[in-house]
Amino acid sequence: MSASRVRPAVEADAPAICEIGNEGIEDRLATLETELRTPQERTRWLEGRGPRHPVVVAEDGGRVVAWGSLNPFSPRDAYRHVADFSIYVARSHRGKGVGKVLLARLVELAREHGYHKMVLSAFPFNPAGMALYEKLGFRTVGIYKEQGLLDGRWVDTIVMEKLL
């Protein structure tokens, strides 16, 4: 994905962030979210982000094709050095290296913001996501059995971490 760039998200990116996120919700590969978002909700979400929880987008030919964010792991002060993260890639750009570029940038940002660790919870039935996380140094620390009810069936999630 050498022709693209990663940059901080701006309010005008909210519709693209919404569309890409909704694809992830619909495809049932990346999240236990089931309610589709709206551009207005994503605008409010972007506006409510603090400096330690940036959102970045990846562009290809000037078009937003993926987004990622550093998210609070817990509101408890003792966890202020742990970041959860999200990555969503447009269907049209999956498997093209966009996720790797975005996750590498999120790791850089986490270090810049003083985080000690990044964590995630992923679906074991998303082999592309699992391969990406492992490639960038995340390790499995456990499995939440039957963590969520998705489309009438219980699904497990794998918990992973990366010390920075």
Protein backbone atom coordinates (compact mmCIF):
# COMPACT_ATOMS: atom_id res chain seq x y z
CA MET A 1 0.00 0.00 0.00
CA SER A 2 2.77 2.42 -0.85
CA ALA A 3 0.47 4.83 -2.72
CA SER A 4 -1.54 5.67 0.37
CA ARG A 5 -0.96 7.76 3.43
CA VAL A 6 -2.09 7.68 7.04
CA ARG A 7 -3.19 10.95 8.62
CA PRO A 8 -5.22 12.18 11.58
CA ALA A 9 -8.98 11.95 11.02
CA VAL A 10 -10.96 15.16 10.65
CA GLU A 11 -14.68 15.84 10.94
CA ALA A 12 -15.14 15.56 7.16
CA ASP A 13 -14.01 11.91 7.41
CA ALA A 14 -17.03 10.94 9.55
CA PRO A 15 -19.15 9.64 6.61
CA ALA A 16 -16.31 7.42 5.34
CA ILE A 17 -15.51 6.22 8.88
CA CYS A 18 -19.20 5.42 9.29
CA GLU A 19 -19.44 3.52 6.01
CA ILE A 20 -16.29 1.46 6.64
CA GLY A 21 -17.29 0.74 10.23
CA ASN A 22 -20.74 -0.37 9.13
CA GLU A 23 -19.17 -2.79 6.64
CA GLY A 24 -17.26 -4.30 9.56
CA ILE A 25 -20.45 -4.58 11.60
CA GLU A 26 -22.36 -6.18 8.71
CA ASP A 27 -19.59 -8.66 7.89
CA ARG A 28 -19.45 -9.97 11.47
CA LEU A 29 -15.65 -10.39 11.39
CA ALA A 30 -14.35 -7.61 13.60
CA THR A 31 -16.78 -6.55 16.29
CA LEU A 32 -19.60 -7.57 18.58
CA GLU A 33 -21.34 -4.34 17.60
CA THR A 34 -24.63 -5.02 15.84
CA GLU A 35 -26.19 -1.57 15.52
CA LEU A 36 -25.18 0.35 12.40
CA ARG A 37 -23.78 3.83 12.97
CA THR A 38 -24.76 7.11 11.34
CA PRO A 39 -22.46 9.84 10.03
CA GLN A 40 -23.87 12.20 12.69
CA GLU A 41 -23.04 9.73 15.47
CA ARG A 42 -19.51 9.26 14.08
CA THR A 43 -19.08 13.06 13.96
CA ARG A 44 -20.02 13.30 17.65
CA TRP A 45 -17.68 10.37 18.38
CA LEU A 46 -14.78 12.14 16.64
CA GLU A 47 -15.53 15.40 18.46
CA GLY A 48 -15.51 13.60 21.81
CA ARG A 49 -12.06 12.07 21.40
CA GLY A 50 -9.31 13.26 23.70
CA PRO A 51 -5.69 13.82 22.67
CA ARG A 52 -4.59 10.42 24.01
CA HIS A 53 -7.23 8.63 21.92
CA PRO A 54 -6.53 9.67 18.33
CA VAL A 55 -8.32 8.44 15.23
CA VAL A 56 -6.35 8.03 12.01
CA VAL A 57 -7.42 7.25 8.48
CA ALA A 58 -5.64 5.63 5.56
CA GLU A 59 -6.19 7.15 2.15
CA ASP A 60 -5.72 5.63 -1.27
CA GLY A 61 -5.93 8.10 -4.13
CA GLY A 62 -7.37 10.72 -1.78
CA ARG A 63 -10.19 8.40 -0.65
CA VAL A 64 -10.45 7.13 2.94
CA VAL A 65 -10.20 3.33 2.79
CA ALA A 66 -9.56 2.45 6.44
CA TRP A 67 -9.51 3.91 9.90
CA GLY A 68 -8.11 3.08 13.28
CA SER A 69 -8.28 4.47 16.79
CA LEU A 70 -6.64 4.21 20.18
CA ASN A 71 -9.35 3.73 22.78
CA PRO A 72 -9.48 3.79 26.57
CA PHE A 73 -9.13 0.31 28.04
CA SER A 74 -10.76 1.29 31.32
CA PRO A 75 -11.76 4.53 33.05
CA ARG A 76 -9.77 3.47 36.13
CA ASP A 77 -6.60 5.52 36.59
CA ALA A 78 -4.39 2.45 37.06
CA TYR A 79 -5.13 1.48 33.44
CA ARG A 80 -4.17 4.85 31.92
CA HIS A 81 -1.10 3.26 30.29
CA VAL A 82 -3.12 0.56 28.50
CA ALA A 83 -4.80 1.28 25.17
CA ASP A 84 -7.41 -0.74 23.39
CA PHE A 85 -7.62 -0.14 19.65
CA SER A 86 -9.91 -0.49 16.65
CA ILE A 87 -9.11 -1.02 12.98
CA TYR A 88 -11.62 -1.16 10.14
CA VAL A 89 -10.69 -1.61 6.47
CA ALA A 90 -13.09 -1.06 3.57
CA ARG A 91 -14.10 -4.29 1.84
CA SER A 92 -12.48 -3.03 -1.37
CA HIS A 93 -9.09 -2.73 0.32
CA ARG A 94 -8.92 -5.78 2.56
CA GLY A 95 -5.92 -8.02 1.99
CA LYS A 96 -3.86 -5.21 0.44
CA GLY A 97 -1.70 -4.27 3.44
CA VAL A 98 -3.79 -1.33 4.63
CA GLY A 99 -4.41 -2.89 8.03
CA LYS A 100 -0.70 -3.44 8.59
CA VAL A 101 0.16 0.17 7.77
CA LEU A 102 -2.64 1.43 10.02
CA LEU A 103 -1.77 -0.84 12.95
CA ALA A 104 1.92 0.09 12.70
CA ARG A 105 0.90 3.76 12.94
CA LEU A 106 -1.32 3.05 15.95
CA VAL A 107 1.61 1.33 17.68
CA GLU A 108 3.76 4.41 17.00
CA LEU A 109 1.04 6.70 18.34
CA ALA A 110 0.59 4.55 21.44
CA ARG A 111 4.31 4.88 22.18
CA GLU A 112 4.22 8.63 21.52
CA HIS A 113 1.34 9.02 23.99
CA GLY A 114 3.15 7.09 26.71
CA TYR A 115 1.19 3.86 26.67
CA HIS A 116 2.91 0.77 28.08
CA LYS A 117 0.66 -1.79 26.44
CA MET A 118 -1.91 -2.27 23.69
CA VAL A 119 -4.69 -4.83 23.99
CA LEU A 120 -7.45 -6.18 21.81
CA SER A 121 -10.18 -8.74 21.73
CA ALA A 122 -10.54 -10.47 18.34
CA PHE A 123 -12.60 -13.16 16.71
CA PRO A 124 -10.72 -16.45 16.25
CA PHE A 125 -12.69 -16.98 13.02
CA ASN A 126 -11.06 -13.90 11.41
CA PRO A 127 -7.78 -15.43 10.15
CA ALA A 128 -6.65 -12.26 8.36
CA GLY A 129 -7.02 -10.20 11.53
CA MET A 130 -5.29 -12.83 13.66
CA ALA A 131 -2.37 -13.00 11.22
CA LEU A 132 -2.04 -9.21 11.22
CA TYR A 133 -1.94 -8.95 15.00
CA GLU A 134 0.60 -11.75 15.32
CA LYS A 135 2.76 -10.26 12.54
CA LEU A 136 2.95 -6.98 14.46
CA GLY A 137 3.96 -8.68 17.70
CA PHE A 138 0.72 -9.19 19.58
CA ARG A 139 0.49 -12.38 21.60
CA THR A 140 -2.54 -14.35 22.72
CA VAL A 141 -3.15 -14.18 26.46
CA GLY A 142 -6.46 -16.01 26.64
CA ILE A 143 -9.85 -16.78 25.23
CA TYR A 144 -13.14 -15.42 26.47
CA LYS A 145 -15.51 -18.32 25.91
CA GLU A 146 -18.97 -17.35 24.66
CA GLN A 147 -18.16 -13.65 25.11
CA GLY A 148 -21.01 -12.35 23.02
CA LEU A 149 -24.28 -13.38 21.43
CA LEU A 150 -24.02 -12.57 17.73
CA ASP A 151 -26.88 -13.45 15.39
CA GLY A 152 -28.28 -15.99 17.83
CA ARG A 153 -25.02 -17.84 18.53
CA TRP A 154 -22.41 -17.48 21.22
CA VAL A 155 -18.98 -16.48 19.95
CA ASP A 156 -15.56 -16.64 21.59
CA THR A 157 -13.05 -13.82 21.47
CA ILE A 158 -9.28 -14.06 21.75
CA VAL A 159 -7.55 -11.56 24.03
CA MET A 160 -4.16 -10.32 22.78
CA GLU A 161 -1.57 -7.84 24.02
CA LYS A 162 1.63 -6.12 22.96
CA LEU A 163 4.02 -4.56 25.44
CA LEU A 164 5.43 -1.36 24.03
